[in-house]
Amino acid sequence: MVKLLPGHSFSASDNDLYNGFSPRLSSEPELHSVDISEENYDKRKLTTFELSEIKEYAKIYFVGPHAKKQIDFDDKDGVYKVVLHDHLAYRFEIIKSIGKGSFGH
């Protein structure tokens, strides 16, 4: 589940409905990013990997400050470990897991 900013919604044209629904934002959201050169977030709450990786992103929208960070991203079978309240590419917050997919356990 991804949170949308107030005033934004998904829309689909009639053509999309016939060709397989492909949701898109009805307008460009005005997101506010964190300037990573400033001390706007607690760097102690990021892993060593994140402290290195975050430098590659021009804009940071979310860092997952309340997530229970893990060192490994996947289990022994290569399945991604979902961590609630963590970030996806420093842009989205993981709110909940809604399933494990076709090949889930």
N, C-alpha and C. Protein backbone atom coordinates (compact mmCIF):
# COMPACT_ATOMS: atom_id res chain seq x y z
N MET A 1 0.85 -1.16 0.00
CA MET A 1 0.00 0.00 0.00
C MET A 1 0.90 1.23 0.00
N VAL A 2 0.65 2.16 -0.88
CA VAL A 2 1.44 3.39 -1.00
C VAL A 2 0.54 4.56 -0.66
N LYS A 3 1.03 5.47 0.16
CA LYS A 3 0.25 6.65 0.51
C LYS A 3 0.31 7.66 -0.62
N LEU A 4 -0.83 8.21 -1.01
CA LEU A 4 -0.87 9.30 -1.97
C LEU A 4 -0.96 10.61 -1.21
N LEU A 5 -0.39 11.64 -1.77
CA LEU A 5 -0.48 12.95 -1.15
C LEU A 5 -1.89 13.49 -1.30
N PRO A 6 -2.35 14.31 -0.35
CA PRO A 6 -3.68 14.91 -0.47
C PRO A 6 -3.82 15.65 -1.79
N GLY A 7 -4.98 15.51 -2.41
CA GLY A 7 -5.24 16.21 -3.66
C GLY A 7 -4.80 15.47 -4.90
N HIS A 8 -4.27 14.26 -4.76
CA HIS A 8 -3.82 13.48 -5.90
C HIS A 8 -4.56 12.15 -5.93
N SER A 9 -4.85 11.67 -7.09
CA SER A 9 -5.55 10.40 -7.23
C SER A 9 -5.09 9.70 -8.49
N PHE A 10 -5.39 8.42 -8.59
CA PHE A 10 -5.09 7.68 -9.80
C PHE A 10 -6.25 7.84 -10.78
N SER A 11 -5.94 7.85 -12.06
CA SER A 11 -7.00 7.95 -13.06
C SER A 11 -6.69 7.00 -14.21
N ALA A 12 -7.72 6.66 -14.96
CA ALA A 12 -7.55 5.80 -16.13
C ALA A 12 -8.51 6.27 -17.20
N SER A 13 -8.05 6.25 -18.45
CA SER A 13 -8.93 6.61 -19.55
C SER A 13 -9.69 5.37 -20.00
N ASP A 14 -10.72 5.56 -20.83
CA ASP A 14 -11.47 4.42 -21.36
C ASP A 14 -10.54 3.47 -22.10
N ASN A 15 -9.57 4.02 -22.82
CA ASN A 15 -8.62 3.21 -23.57
C ASN A 15 -7.82 2.31 -22.62
N ASP A 16 -7.42 2.86 -21.46
CA ASP A 16 -6.67 2.06 -20.49
C ASP A 16 -7.50 0.88 -19.99
N LEU A 17 -8.80 1.11 -19.80
CA LEU A 17 -9.66 0.06 -19.27
C LEU A 17 -9.78 -1.11 -20.24
N TYR A 18 -9.74 -0.82 -21.53
CA TYR A 18 -9.84 -1.89 -22.53
C TYR A 18 -8.50 -2.57 -22.77
N ASN A 19 -7.41 -1.87 -22.57
CA ASN A 19 -6.08 -2.41 -22.86
C ASN A 19 -5.34 -2.86 -21.60
N GLY A 20 -6.05 -3.06 -20.53
CA GLY A 20 -5.39 -3.42 -19.28
C GLY A 20 -5.13 -2.16 -18.49
N PHE A 21 -5.68 -2.07 -17.32
CA PHE A 21 -5.60 -0.86 -16.51
C PHE A 21 -4.16 -0.54 -16.16
N SER A 22 -3.77 0.66 -16.37
CA SER A 22 -2.44 1.14 -16.04
C SER A 22 -2.60 2.45 -15.27
N PRO A 23 -2.65 2.40 -13.93
CA PRO A 23 -2.89 3.62 -13.17
C PRO A 23 -1.75 4.61 -13.31
N ARG A 24 -2.08 5.86 -13.27
CA ARG A 24 -1.07 6.92 -13.30
C ARG A 24 -1.58 8.09 -12.48
N LEU A 25 -0.68 8.88 -12.00
CA LEU A 25 -1.08 10.05 -11.23
C LEU A 25 -1.79 11.04 -12.12
N SER A 26 -2.87 11.62 -11.61
CA SER A 26 -3.63 12.57 -12.40
C SER A 26 -2.90 13.90 -12.55
N SER A 27 -1.96 14.17 -11.68
CA SER A 27 -1.14 15.37 -11.80
C SER A 27 0.19 15.09 -11.11
N GLU A 28 1.17 15.87 -11.45
CA GLU A 28 2.47 15.68 -10.82
C GLU A 28 2.39 16.11 -9.36
N PRO A 29 2.71 15.23 -8.44
CA PRO A 29 2.66 15.62 -7.03
C PRO A 29 3.78 16.59 -6.70
N GLU A 30 3.50 17.46 -5.77
CA GLU A 30 4.52 18.37 -5.28
C GLU A 30 5.09 17.77 -4.00
N LEU A 31 6.05 16.88 -4.15
CA LEU A 31 6.65 16.22 -3.01
C LEU A 31 7.76 17.08 -2.45
N HIS A 32 7.95 17.00 -1.18
CA HIS A 32 9.03 17.74 -0.54
C HIS A 32 10.14 16.76 -0.19
N SER A 33 11.32 17.03 -0.67
CA SER A 33 12.43 16.13 -0.41
C SER A 33 13.28 16.66 0.73
N VAL A 34 14.06 15.77 1.31
CA VAL A 34 14.98 16.13 2.38
C VAL A 34 16.32 16.42 1.74
N ASP A 35 16.91 17.53 2.07
CA ASP A 35 18.25 17.84 1.57
C ASP A 35 19.23 17.01 2.38
N ILE A 36 19.89 16.05 1.71
CA ILE A 36 20.76 15.15 2.46
C ILE A 36 22.03 15.83 2.96
N SER A 37 22.30 17.05 2.52
CA SER A 37 23.45 17.76 3.05
C SER A 37 23.12 18.40 4.40
N GLU A 38 21.82 18.49 4.72
CA GLU A 38 21.40 19.05 6.00
C GLU A 38 21.16 17.92 6.99
N GLU A 39 21.08 18.26 8.25
CA GLU A 39 20.81 17.26 9.28
C GLU A 39 19.32 17.16 9.53
N ASN A 40 18.55 16.88 8.49
CA ASN A 40 17.10 16.80 8.61
C ASN A 40 16.61 15.44 9.07
N TYR A 41 17.45 14.47 9.15
CA TYR A 41 17.07 13.15 9.62
C TYR A 41 18.22 12.58 10.43
N ASP A 42 17.91 11.64 11.26
CA ASP A 42 18.88 11.04 12.16
C ASP A 42 19.68 9.96 11.42
N LYS A 43 20.90 10.26 11.08
CA LYS A 43 21.74 9.32 10.33
C LYS A 43 22.05 8.06 11.14
N ARG A 44 21.88 8.14 12.45
CA ARG A 44 22.13 6.95 13.28
C ARG A 44 21.08 5.87 13.04
N LYS A 45 19.95 6.26 12.43
CA LYS A 45 18.89 5.29 12.17
C LYS A 45 19.03 4.63 10.80
N LEU A 46 20.09 4.95 10.07
CA LEU A 46 20.35 4.33 8.77
C LEU A 46 21.46 3.30 8.92
N THR A 47 21.39 2.26 8.09
CA THR A 47 22.44 1.25 8.11
C THR A 47 23.68 1.80 7.40
N THR A 48 24.80 1.13 7.57
CA THR A 48 26.03 1.52 6.89
C THR A 48 25.82 1.53 5.38
N PHE A 49 25.12 0.51 4.87
CA PHE A 49 24.83 0.44 3.44
C PHE A 49 24.00 1.64 2.99
N GLU A 50 22.97 2.00 3.76
CA GLU A 50 22.11 3.13 3.40
C GLU A 50 22.89 4.44 3.42
N LEU A 51 23.78 4.62 4.38
CA LEU A 51 24.58 5.84 4.43
C LEU A 51 25.42 6.01 3.17
N SER A 52 25.88 4.91 2.60
CA SER A 52 26.64 4.95 1.36
C SER A 52 25.71 5.13 0.16
N GLU A 53 24.64 4.34 0.12
CA GLU A 53 23.71 4.35 -1.01
C GLU A 53 22.97 5.67 -1.17
N ILE A 54 22.64 6.33 -0.08
CA ILE A 54 21.81 7.53 -0.11
C ILE A 54 22.48 8.67 -0.89
N LYS A 55 23.79 8.62 -0.97
CA LYS A 55 24.53 9.66 -1.70
C LYS A 55 24.27 9.62 -3.20
N GLU A 56 23.77 8.49 -3.70
CA GLU A 56 23.49 8.33 -5.13
C GLU A 56 22.14 8.92 -5.55
N TYR A 57 21.33 9.34 -4.59
CA TYR A 57 20.00 9.86 -4.87
C TYR A 57 20.00 11.38 -4.80
N ALA A 58 19.43 12.02 -5.84
CA ALA A 58 19.36 13.48 -5.87
C ALA A 58 18.35 14.01 -4.86
N LYS A 59 17.24 13.30 -4.69
CA LYS A 59 16.20 13.74 -3.76
C LYS A 59 15.82 12.58 -2.85
N ILE A 60 15.65 12.90 -1.58
CA ILE A 60 15.26 11.92 -0.58
C ILE A 60 13.89 12.33 -0.04
N TYR A 61 12.91 11.44 -0.16
CA TYR A 61 11.56 11.74 0.30
C TYR A 61 11.24 11.04 1.61
N PHE A 62 11.86 9.90 1.86
CA PHE A 62 11.54 9.11 3.06
C PHE A 62 12.72 8.20 3.36
N VAL A 63 13.09 8.09 4.64
CA VAL A 63 14.23 7.25 5.01
C VAL A 63 13.86 6.07 5.91
N GLY A 64 12.61 5.96 6.31
CA GLY A 64 12.21 4.85 7.17
C GLY A 64 12.81 4.92 8.55
N PRO A 65 12.67 6.05 9.25
CA PRO A 65 13.34 6.21 10.54
C PRO A 65 12.83 5.28 11.63
N HIS A 66 11.62 4.74 11.50
CA HIS A 66 11.06 3.88 12.55
C HIS A 66 11.06 2.40 12.17
N ALA A 67 11.69 2.07 11.05
CA ALA A 67 11.76 0.68 10.61
C ALA A 67 12.79 -0.08 11.42
N LYS A 68 12.54 -1.36 11.61
CA LYS A 68 13.52 -2.23 12.27
C LYS A 68 14.45 -2.73 11.17
N LYS A 69 15.51 -1.99 10.93
CA LYS A 69 16.43 -2.25 9.81
C LYS A 69 17.09 -3.61 9.94
N GLN A 70 17.30 -4.25 8.79
CA GLN A 70 17.98 -5.53 8.73
C GLN A 70 19.20 -5.39 7.82
N ILE A 71 20.17 -6.22 8.05
CA ILE A 71 21.37 -6.19 7.21
C ILE A 71 21.11 -6.88 5.88
N ASP A 72 20.38 -8.00 5.92
CA ASP A 72 20.08 -8.76 4.70
C ASP A 72 18.78 -8.29 4.08
N PHE A 73 18.73 -8.25 2.76
CA PHE A 73 17.52 -7.84 2.05
C PHE A 73 16.64 -9.03 1.66
N ASP A 74 17.24 -10.23 1.65
CA ASP A 74 16.47 -11.40 1.24
C ASP A 74 16.83 -12.60 2.11
N ASP A 75 15.98 -13.63 2.05
CA ASP A 75 16.23 -14.83 2.83
C ASP A 75 17.11 -15.80 2.06
N LYS A 76 17.31 -16.99 2.61
CA LYS A 76 18.21 -17.97 1.97
C LYS A 76 17.73 -18.42 0.60
N ASP A 77 16.43 -18.24 0.32
CA ASP A 77 15.87 -18.62 -0.99
C ASP A 77 15.84 -17.45 -1.97
N GLY A 78 16.36 -16.30 -1.55
CA GLY A 78 16.38 -15.13 -2.42
C GLY A 78 15.09 -14.33 -2.43
N VAL A 79 14.19 -14.59 -1.46
CA VAL A 79 12.92 -13.88 -1.37
C VAL A 79 13.13 -12.60 -0.55
N TYR A 80 12.66 -11.47 -1.08
CA TYR A 80 12.81 -10.18 -0.41
C TYR A 80 12.13 -10.19 0.95
N LYS A 81 12.82 -9.70 1.97
CA LYS A 81 12.26 -9.60 3.32
C LYS A 81 11.58 -8.24 3.46
N VAL A 82 10.27 -8.26 3.62
CA VAL A 82 9.51 -7.02 3.79
C VAL A 82 9.75 -6.50 5.20
N VAL A 83 10.11 -5.22 5.31
CA VAL A 83 10.31 -4.57 6.59
C VAL A 83 9.33 -3.41 6.66
N LEU A 84 8.33 -3.54 7.53
CA LEU A 84 7.33 -2.49 7.65
C LEU A 84 7.96 -1.16 8.05
N HIS A 85 7.46 -0.10 7.49
CA HIS A 85 7.88 1.29 7.75
C HIS A 85 9.28 1.60 7.24
N ASP A 86 9.83 0.71 6.42
CA ASP A 86 11.10 1.00 5.76
C ASP A 86 10.80 1.73 4.45
N HIS A 87 11.81 2.12 3.74
CA HIS A 87 11.63 2.88 2.49
C HIS A 87 11.85 1.99 1.27
N LEU A 88 11.33 2.43 0.16
CA LEU A 88 11.65 1.86 -1.15
C LEU A 88 12.29 2.99 -1.93
N ALA A 89 13.57 2.84 -2.22
CA ALA A 89 14.33 3.83 -2.99
C ALA A 89 14.22 5.23 -2.40
N TYR A 90 14.13 5.32 -1.09
CA TYR A 90 14.06 6.60 -0.37
C TYR A 90 12.91 7.48 -0.85
N ARG A 91 11.85 6.85 -1.36
CA ARG A 91 10.72 7.60 -1.90
C ARG A 91 9.38 7.17 -1.30
N PHE A 92 9.22 5.87 -1.00
CA PHE A 92 7.95 5.35 -0.51
C PHE A 92 8.14 4.64 0.82
N GLU A 93 7.08 4.62 1.64
CA GLU A 93 7.08 3.88 2.89
C GLU A 93 6.31 2.58 2.70
N ILE A 94 6.86 1.49 3.22
CA ILE A 94 6.16 0.21 3.20
C ILE A 94 5.18 0.22 4.37
N ILE A 95 3.88 0.24 4.05
CA ILE A 95 2.84 0.31 5.07
C ILE A 95 2.44 -1.08 5.55
N LYS A 96 2.21 -1.99 4.59
CA LYS A 96 1.88 -3.36 4.96
C LYS A 96 2.16 -4.28 3.78
N SER A 97 2.27 -5.56 4.07
CA SER A 97 2.44 -6.57 3.03
C SER A 97 1.05 -7.04 2.62
N ILE A 98 0.80 -7.07 1.32
CA ILE A 98 -0.53 -7.46 0.85
C ILE A 98 -0.54 -8.83 0.18
N GLY A 99 0.53 -9.57 0.34
CA GLY A 99 0.60 -10.92 -0.23
C GLY A 99 2.02 -11.28 -0.56
N LYS A 100 2.17 -12.51 -1.01
CA LYS A 100 3.51 -12.99 -1.32
C LYS A 100 3.68 -13.34 -2.78
N GLY A 101 2.70 -13.04 -3.61
CA GLY A 101 2.83 -13.27 -5.04
C GLY A 101 2.56 -14.71 -5.45
N SER A 102 2.70 -14.95 -6.72
CA SER A 102 2.41 -16.27 -7.29
C SER A 102 3.34 -17.36 -6.78
N PHE A 103 4.56 -16.99 -6.50
CA PHE A 103 5.54 -17.99 -6.10
C PHE A 103 5.89 -17.88 -4.62
N GLY A 104 5.06 -17.20 -3.85
CA GLY A 104 5.31 -17.02 -2.42
C GLY A 104 5.14 -18.30 -1.62
N HIS A 105 5.58 -18.24 -0.41
CA HIS A 105 5.52 -19.42 0.47
C HIS A 105 4.38 -19.26 1.45
